[in-house]
């Protein structure tokens, strides 16, 4: 939503985002954290973050630096950005909603749900699609190779950042550049390719584009996700702010074709508040319809990665969340009833996870 609307909402809630108002000791300290972090990251033109909680009425959003390197435009909490692999949590939740509706089972073999042409490509490379399950793909334990892990993928993007990739083309790169990295269920091995397969399954089960299907399955309007959309598949909603420029070292990636990371491993654009709001709502039980489904999402998989969610330590506390290639992050800390999300506008900058840790540390210190 646009900043003046945010301002009204925060006034009604009794809190003001310090990026615009400078209110409150904690808000001031959080804004200082952003400024200090940015000063340590000259490679990044700007940083943006949001904290929701503790409690239902606490919201803070801040930004520091510029939305575009060198032209003086200030970055604001309203700016949106490509959230990259943070998209996986939304896709995983959509798959779990399909499971709740009885349209697939988490322990179904992939062979049962993949389009036949895609299944044939993978089977020809030695993948046992009868042994690989939906749950394994969700938790990155299916044994699928990850096509972006091969340096030839980055080389192809740098050589032609405007190339329009298809999902099938990326799956073909998976089988051409690598083979199975383990037996189904044997070990964790992160795979963007796996989430492209999940995206194809969502499209096949709903007969809709992935963007429209995820929006409806997760009910974005009810969650208040007014600044979240799927590139190419959807138009930016009226509440979305301008998209910030994200960088890969010295390269401005703003105009790079989104198809390089579009089909389930990535694809969503959001702002920091929407990113925090979705993750907070998901873990509060407001996205999935059954408590047992959320239990499966947080309890299946490996100790570090469950079903579209990572379990990690942040400032000595359990945090659920995800990070993305474009230095995006979101973490929910149940023990603090706090969710922190944001973006550092350069892949090569200091990790967004470290910014999240510092913001959480500042919030905890203010409570002690």
Protein backbone atom coordinates (compact mmCIF):
# COMPACT_ATOMS: atom_id res chain seq x y z
CA UNK A 1 0.00 0.00 0.00
CA UNK A 2 1.20 3.56 -0.54
CA UNK A 3 2.98 5.28 2.33
CA UNK A 4 0.21 7.71 3.26
CA UNK A 5 -2.15 4.74 3.72
CA UNK A 6 0.45 2.99 5.88
CA UNK A 7 0.77 6.17 7.90
CA UNK A 8 -2.97 6.29 8.62
CA UNK A 9 -2.99 2.64 9.63
CA UNK A 10 -0.02 3.06 11.93
CA UNK A 11 -1.61 6.17 13.48
CA UNK A 12 -4.72 4.13 14.18
CA UNK A 13 -2.55 1.42 15.72
CA UNK A 14 -0.61 3.92 17.78
CA UNK A 15 2.73 3.34 16.05
CA UNK A 16 4.58 5.28 13.40
CA UNK A 17 7.27 4.05 11.01
CA UNK A 18 10.34 6.03 12.01
CA UNK A 19 11.49 6.24 8.39
CA UNK A 20 8.94 9.02 8.03
CA UNK A 21 8.30 10.30 11.53
CA UNK A 22 11.27 9.70 13.84
CA UNK A 23 8.94 8.66 16.66
CA UNK A 24 9.85 6.59 19.72
CA UNK A 25 13.15 5.54 21.26
CA UNK A 26 13.00 2.01 19.82
CA UNK A 27 11.95 3.26 16.41
CA UNK A 28 14.84 5.69 16.43
CA UNK A 29 17.26 2.93 17.40
CA UNK A 30 15.95 0.61 14.67
CA UNK A 31 16.45 3.35 12.11
CA UNK A 32 19.98 3.85 13.41
CA UNK A 33 20.63 0.13 12.90
CA UNK A 34 19.61 0.50 9.26
CA UNK A 35 21.92 3.49 8.79
CA UNK A 36 24.86 1.76 10.46
CA UNK A 37 24.33 -1.38 8.41
CA UNK A 38 24.18 0.60 5.19
CA UNK A 39 27.37 2.46 6.09
CA UNK A 40 29.14 -0.91 6.33
CA UNK A 41 27.78 -1.88 2.90
CA UNK A 42 28.90 0.68 0.33
CA UNK A 43 28.15 -1.88 -2.40
CA UNK A 44 24.42 -1.60 -1.59
CA UNK A 45 22.63 1.67 -2.40
CA UNK A 46 19.96 1.03 0.22
CA UNK A 47 18.39 -1.26 2.80
CA UNK A 48 14.77 -1.63 3.86
CA UNK A 49 13.16 -3.58 6.70
CA UNK A 50 9.96 -4.10 8.63
CA UNK A 51 9.21 -5.51 12.08
CA UNK A 52 5.76 -6.74 13.08
CA UNK A 53 5.03 -7.49 16.73
CA UNK A 54 5.21 -8.21 19.51
CA UNK A 55 1.46 -8.16 19.65
CA UNK A 56 -1.02 -7.50 16.84
CA UNK A 57 -0.67 -3.71 16.87
CA UNK A 58 3.05 -3.16 16.63
CA UNK A 59 4.39 -2.25 13.19
CA UNK A 60 7.62 -0.54 12.24
CA UNK A 61 9.05 -0.01 8.78
CA UNK A 62 12.20 1.81 7.85
CA UNK A 63 14.59 2.39 4.97
CA UNK A 64 17.99 3.94 4.46
CA UNK A 65 19.85 4.96 1.34
CA UNK A 66 18.70 5.16 -2.24
CA UNK A 67 16.31 3.13 -4.39
CA UNK A 68 18.61 3.55 -7.39
CA UNK A 69 22.35 3.94 -7.20
CA UNK A 70 23.55 7.41 -8.06
CA UNK A 71 20.34 9.29 -8.84
CA UNK A 72 19.34 10.53 -5.38
CA UNK A 73 15.95 8.87 -5.11
CA UNK A 74 15.45 7.84 -1.50
CA UNK A 75 14.49 4.29 -0.67
CA UNK A 76 11.24 4.12 1.34
CA UNK A 77 9.33 1.36 3.14
CA UNK A 78 6.88 1.40 0.23
CA UNK A 79 9.45 0.22 -2.30
CA UNK A 80 8.94 -3.30 -3.58
CA UNK A 81 11.61 -5.77 -4.64
CA UNK A 82 12.02 -9.22 -6.14
CA UNK A 83 11.98 -11.59 -3.19
CA UNK A 84 13.71 -14.48 -5.03
CA UNK A 85 13.75 -17.71 -3.00
CA UNK A 86 11.49 -16.27 -0.33
CA UNK A 87 8.88 -17.21 -2.95
CA UNK A 88 9.42 -20.87 -2.05
CA UNK A 89 7.50 -20.47 1.21
CA UNK A 90 4.44 -19.24 -0.70
CA UNK A 91 4.70 -22.09 -3.21
CA UNK A 92 5.08 -24.64 -0.43
CA UNK A 93 2.02 -23.24 1.34
CA UNK A 94 0.05 -23.42 -1.94
CA UNK A 95 1.01 -27.08 -2.36
CA UNK A 96 -0.08 -27.74 1.22
CA UNK A 97 -3.42 -26.08 0.50
CA UNK A 98 -3.85 -28.42 -2.47
CA UNK A 99 -3.15 -31.30 -0.09
CA UNK A 100 -5.80 -29.97 2.30
CA UNK A 101 -8.26 -29.91 -0.58
CA UNK A 102 -7.43 -33.53 -1.44
CA UNK A 103 -5.97 -32.71 -4.84
CA UNK A 104 -2.63 -34.33 -4.01
CA UNK A 105 -0.90 -36.11 -1.14
CA UNK A 106 2.45 -35.09 0.31
CA UNK A 107 3.70 -38.64 0.03
CA UNK A 108 2.43 -39.14 -3.51
CA UNK A 109 5.14 -39.98 -6.06
CA UNK A 110 6.09 -37.18 -8.42
CA UNK A 111 5.25 -39.45 -11.33
CA UNK A 112 1.57 -39.10 -10.40
CA UNK A 113 1.44 -35.33 -10.74
CA UNK A 114 4.08 -34.08 -13.17
CA UNK A 115 3.18 -33.23 -16.78
CA UNK A 116 4.19 -36.26 -18.89
CA UNK A 117 6.72 -34.34 -20.99
CA UNK A 118 8.51 -33.07 -17.87
CA UNK A 119 8.46 -36.52 -16.29
CA UNK A 120 10.04 -37.97 -19.45
CA UNK A 121 12.90 -35.42 -19.34
CA UNK A 122 13.71 -36.28 -15.74
CA UNK A 123 13.32 -40.05 -16.11
CA UNK A 124 15.76 -40.03 -19.01
CA UNK A 125 18.38 -38.60 -16.63
CA UNK A 126 17.96 -41.41 -14.11
CA UNK A 127 15.48 -39.83 -11.70
CA UNK A 128 13.22 -42.37 -10.00
CA UNK A 129 9.97 -40.44 -10.06
CA UNK A 130 8.07 -43.25 -8.37
CA UNK A 131 10.31 -42.98 -5.30
CA UNK A 132 10.55 -39.17 -5.21
CA UNK A 133 7.61 -37.68 -3.31
CA UNK A 134 6.04 -34.24 -3.14
CA UNK A 135 7.18 -33.96 0.48
CA UNK A 136 10.78 -34.66 -0.54
CA UNK A 137 10.72 -31.94 -3.17
CA UNK A 138 9.27 -29.47 -0.66
CA UNK A 139 12.11 -30.24 1.79
CA UNK A 140 14.90 -30.46 -0.83
CA UNK A 141 15.53 -34.13 -0.06
CA UNK A 142 14.43 -35.60 -3.40
CA UNK A 143 17.90 -35.83 -4.94
CA UNK A 144 17.24 -33.25 -7.65
CA UNK A 145 20.19 -31.34 -9.06
CA UNK A 146 19.94 -27.55 -8.91
CA UNK A 147 20.43 -25.98 -12.33
CA UNK A 148 21.44 -22.50 -10.97
CA UNK A 149 24.29 -24.18 -9.07
CA UNK A 150 26.07 -24.82 -12.36
CA UNK A 151 28.23 -21.81 -13.32
CA UNK A 152 26.94 -22.06 -16.87
CA UNK A 153 23.58 -20.72 -15.72
CA UNK A 154 25.05 -17.50 -14.32
CA UNK A 155 27.23 -17.20 -17.42
CA UNK A 156 24.18 -17.48 -19.67
CA UNK A 157 22.32 -14.83 -17.70
CA UNK A 158 25.25 -12.42 -17.72
CA UNK A 159 25.71 -12.98 -21.45
CA UNK A 160 22.04 -12.19 -22.15
CA UNK A 161 20.10 -10.87 -19.13
CA UNK A 162 17.06 -10.24 -21.35
CA UNK A 163 16.71 -13.85 -22.47
CA UNK A 164 13.21 -15.21 -21.87
CA UNK A 165 13.59 -18.52 -20.07
CA UNK A 166 10.89 -21.17 -19.91
CA UNK A 167 10.36 -23.63 -17.10
CA UNK A 168 11.02 -26.52 -19.47
CA UNK A 169 14.27 -24.93 -20.64
CA UNK A 170 15.48 -24.67 -17.05
CA UNK A 171 14.53 -28.28 -16.30
CA UNK A 172 16.46 -29.35 -19.40
CA UNK A 173 19.50 -27.50 -18.05
CA UNK A 174 19.09 -29.48 -14.83
CA UNK A 175 19.44 -32.79 -16.65
CA UNK A 176 22.09 -31.58 -19.10
CA UNK A 177 24.38 -30.08 -16.46
CA UNK A 178 24.00 -32.60 -13.66
CA UNK A 179 22.39 -35.79 -12.50
CA UNK A 180 20.75 -37.01 -9.30
CA UNK A 181 22.67 -35.80 -6.25
CA UNK A 182 21.44 -38.63 -4.03
CA UNK A 183 18.76 -41.24 -3.58
CA UNK A 184 15.23 -39.96 -2.87
CA UNK A 185 15.02 -39.04 0.81
CA UNK A 186 18.72 -39.63 1.40
CA UNK A 187 19.88 -36.09 2.21
CA UNK A 188 19.20 -32.39 1.98
CA UNK A 189 20.36 -30.77 -1.25
CA UNK A 190 18.82 -27.40 -2.10
CA UNK A 191 17.19 -27.32 -5.53
CA UNK A 192 15.49 -24.43 -7.28
CA UNK A 193 14.63 -26.94 -9.99
CA UNK A 194 12.49 -28.85 -7.51
CA UNK A 195 10.36 -25.81 -6.84
CA UNK A 196 9.90 -25.28 -10.56
CA UNK A 197 8.41 -28.78 -10.61
CA UNK A 198 6.13 -27.83 -7.72
CA UNK A 199 5.07 -24.73 -9.63
CA UNK A 200 4.14 -26.87 -12.62
CA UNK A 201 2.13 -29.16 -10.35
CA UNK A 202 0.24 -26.18 -8.89
CA UNK A 203 -0.57 -24.96 -12.40
CA UNK A 204 -1.69 -28.41 -13.52
CA UNK A 205 -3.93 -28.97 -10.49
CA UNK A 206 -5.58 -25.56 -10.74
CA UNK A 207 -5.55 -25.01 -14.52
CA UNK A 208 -4.34 -21.48 -13.78
CA UNK A 209 -1.10 -19.56 -14.01
CA UNK A 210 1.12 -20.03 -10.98
CA UNK A 211 0.66 -16.42 -9.90
CA UNK A 212 -3.12 -16.53 -9.98
CA UNK A 213 -3.22 -19.98 -8.36
CA UNK A 214 -0.98 -19.02 -5.44
CA UNK A 215 -2.90 -15.76 -4.91
CA UNK A 216 -6.21 -17.63 -4.68
CA UNK A 217 -5.02 -20.66 -2.74
CA UNK A 218 -3.41 -18.45 -0.08
CA UNK A 219 -6.09 -15.73 -0.28
CA UNK A 220 -3.82 -12.70 -0.58
CA UNK A 221 -6.69 -10.18 -0.17
CA UNK A 222 -7.78 -11.56 3.19
CA UNK A 223 -4.18 -11.53 4.40
CA UNK A 224 -3.87 -7.88 3.41
CA UNK A 225 -1.08 -8.50 0.91
CA UNK A 226 -1.69 -5.35 -1.09
CA UNK A 227 1.84 -5.00 -2.47
CA UNK A 228 2.59 -8.57 -3.53
CA UNK A 229 2.37 -9.92 -7.07
CA UNK A 230 3.91 -12.42 -9.46
CA UNK A 231 5.96 -10.81 -12.21
CA UNK A 232 4.75 -11.29 -15.79
CA UNK A 233 1.85 -13.45 -14.63
CA UNK A 234 0.14 -10.55 -12.85
CA UNK A 235 0.10 -6.78 -12.99
CA UNK A 236 1.27 -4.82 -9.93
CA UNK A 237 -1.68 -4.25 -7.59
CA UNK A 238 -2.80 -0.66 -6.92
CA UNK A 239 -1.28 -0.77 -3.43
CA UNK A 240 2.22 -1.66 -4.61
CA UNK A 241 4.94 0.95 -4.44
CA UNK A 242 7.67 1.42 -7.05
CA UNK A 243 10.17 -1.41 -7.46
CA UNK A 244 13.65 -0.70 -6.12
CA UNK A 245 16.73 -1.50 -8.16
CA UNK A 246 18.58 -4.60 -6.96
CA UNK A 247 22.22 -5.13 -7.81
CA UNK A 248 24.59 -7.98 -8.56
CA UNK A 249 27.90 -6.38 -7.66
CA UNK A 250 28.24 -3.43 -10.03
CA UNK A 251 25.40 -4.61 -12.27
CA UNK A 252 21.92 -3.12 -11.99
CA UNK A 253 19.54 -6.08 -12.44
CA UNK A 254 16.34 -4.01 -12.58
CA UNK A 255 15.82 -4.73 -16.28
CA UNK A 256 16.94 -8.36 -16.23
CA UNK A 257 14.12 -10.54 -17.47
CA UNK A 258 12.32 -12.06 -14.48
CA UNK A 259 12.03 -15.45 -16.18
CA UNK A 260 15.52 -16.27 -14.94
CA UNK A 261 13.87 -16.91 -11.54
CA UNK A 262 10.13 -17.01 -12.06
CA UNK A 263 8.52 -20.43 -11.99
CA UNK A 264 8.36 -21.35 -8.31
CA UNK A 265 11.91 -21.06 -7.00
CA UNK A 266 11.31 -17.31 -7.26
CA UNK A 267 8.91 -14.99 -9.02
CA UNK A 268 7.16 -12.85 -6.43
CA UNK A 269 7.62 -9.13 -5.87
CA UNK A 270 6.71 -7.68 -2.48
CA UNK A 271 7.59 -5.00 0.01
CA UNK A 272 9.07 -5.64 3.44
CA UNK A 273 5.78 -5.29 5.30
CA UNK A 274 3.89 -7.72 3.06
CA UNK A 275 6.75 -10.21 3.31
CA UNK A 276 6.66 -10.03 7.11
CA UNK A 277 2.86 -10.12 7.18
CA UNK A 278 2.59 -13.27 5.08
CA UNK A 279 5.15 -15.21 7.12
CA UNK A 280 3.63 -14.07 10.39
CA UNK A 281 0.14 -15.04 9.21
CA UNK A 282 1.36 -18.41 7.97
CA UNK A 283 2.95 -19.34 11.28
CA UNK A 284 -0.04 -18.01 13.22
CA UNK A 285 -2.24 -20.54 11.42
CA UNK A 286 -4.11 -18.00 9.30
CA UNK A 287 -3.07 -19.35 5.87
CA UNK A 288 -3.42 -23.11 6.10
CA UNK A 289 -6.80 -24.44 7.18
CA UNK A 290 -5.70 -27.25 9.47
CA UNK A 291 -3.33 -27.15 12.41
CA UNK A 292 -2.01 -30.54 11.33
CA UNK A 293 -0.93 -29.08 7.99
CA UNK A 294 1.11 -26.36 9.67
CA UNK A 295 2.58 -29.04 11.93
CA UNK A 296 3.62 -30.96 8.82
CA UNK A 297 5.12 -27.83 7.29
CA UNK A 298 7.27 -27.10 10.34
CA UNK A 299 7.88 -30.71 11.38
CA UNK A 300 8.72 -32.55 8.16
CA UNK A 301 12.04 -32.45 6.34
CA UNK A 302 15.44 -31.96 7.92
CA UNK A 303 16.49 -30.13 11.10
CA UNK A 304 17.56 -27.07 9.10
CA UNK A 305 14.94 -27.05 6.32
CA UNK A 306 11.34 -28.16 6.60
CA UNK A 307 8.64 -27.71 3.92
CA UNK A 308 9.44 -24.35 2.36
CA UNK A 309 10.68 -22.98 5.67
CA UNK A 310 14.11 -22.92 7.25
CA UNK A 311 14.54 -23.40 11.00
CA UNK A 312 17.45 -21.34 12.20
CA UNK A 313 18.95 -19.59 15.20
CA UNK A 314 18.65 -15.83 15.27
CA UNK A 315 20.11 -14.00 18.25
CA UNK A 316 19.94 -17.21 20.30
CA UNK A 317 16.29 -17.91 19.47
CA UNK A 318 14.44 -20.24 17.10
CA UNK A 319 13.43 -18.41 13.94
CA UNK A 320 11.32 -19.68 11.05
CA UNK A 321 11.80 -18.11 7.66
CA UNK A 322 13.71 -17.95 4.41
CA UNK A 323 16.26 -15.90 2.51
CA UNK A 324 16.58 -15.10 -1.17
CA UNK A 325 19.34 -14.65 -3.74
CA UNK A 326 18.67 -10.92 -4.02
CA UNK A 327 19.58 -10.55 -0.33
CA UNK A 328 15.99 -10.72 0.87
CA UNK A 329 15.02 -12.18 4.22
CA UNK A 330 12.17 -12.87 6.59
CA UNK A 331 12.26 -14.49 10.03
CA UNK A 332 9.53 -15.10 12.59
CA UNK A 333 10.65 -15.59 16.19
CA UNK A 334 7.83 -17.27 18.16
CA UNK A 335 9.46 -16.63 21.55
CA UNK A 336 9.36 -12.88 20.90
CA UNK A 337 6.14 -12.85 18.86
CA UNK A 338 8.17 -10.84 16.34
CA UNK A 339 8.61 -11.00 12.57
CA UNK A 340 11.39 -9.19 10.73
CA UNK A 341 11.73 -8.88 6.95
CA UNK A 342 13.58 -6.80 4.42
CA UNK A 343 16.10 -6.48 1.63
CA UNK A 344 19.68 -5.34 1.12
CA UNK A 345 19.83 -3.98 -2.42
CA UNK A 346 22.89 -5.93 -3.51
CA UNK A 347 23.46 -9.66 -3.70
CA UNK A 348 27.07 -9.09 -2.73
CA UNK A 349 26.31 -6.94 0.30
CA UNK A 350 26.52 -8.07 3.89
CA UNK A 351 23.83 -10.72 4.36
CA UNK A 352 20.32 -9.58 5.14
CA UNK A 353 20.29 -12.22 7.87
CA UNK A 354 22.85 -10.13 9.74
CA UNK A 355 20.64 -7.05 9.42
CA UNK A 356 17.74 -9.09 10.80
CA UNK A 357 19.89 -10.21 13.73
CA UNK A 358 20.86 -6.65 14.56
CA UNK A 359 17.28 -5.42 14.40
CA UNK A 360 16.12 -8.23 16.67
CA UNK A 361 18.98 -7.52 19.10
CA UNK A 362 17.97 -3.86 19.24
CA UNK A 363 14.35 -4.77 19.88
CA UNK A 364 15.28 -7.23 22.62
CA UNK A 365 17.62 -4.72 24.26
CA UNK A 366 14.83 -2.16 24.37
CA UNK A 367 12.65 -4.60 26.32
CA UNK A 368 15.26 -5.42 28.95
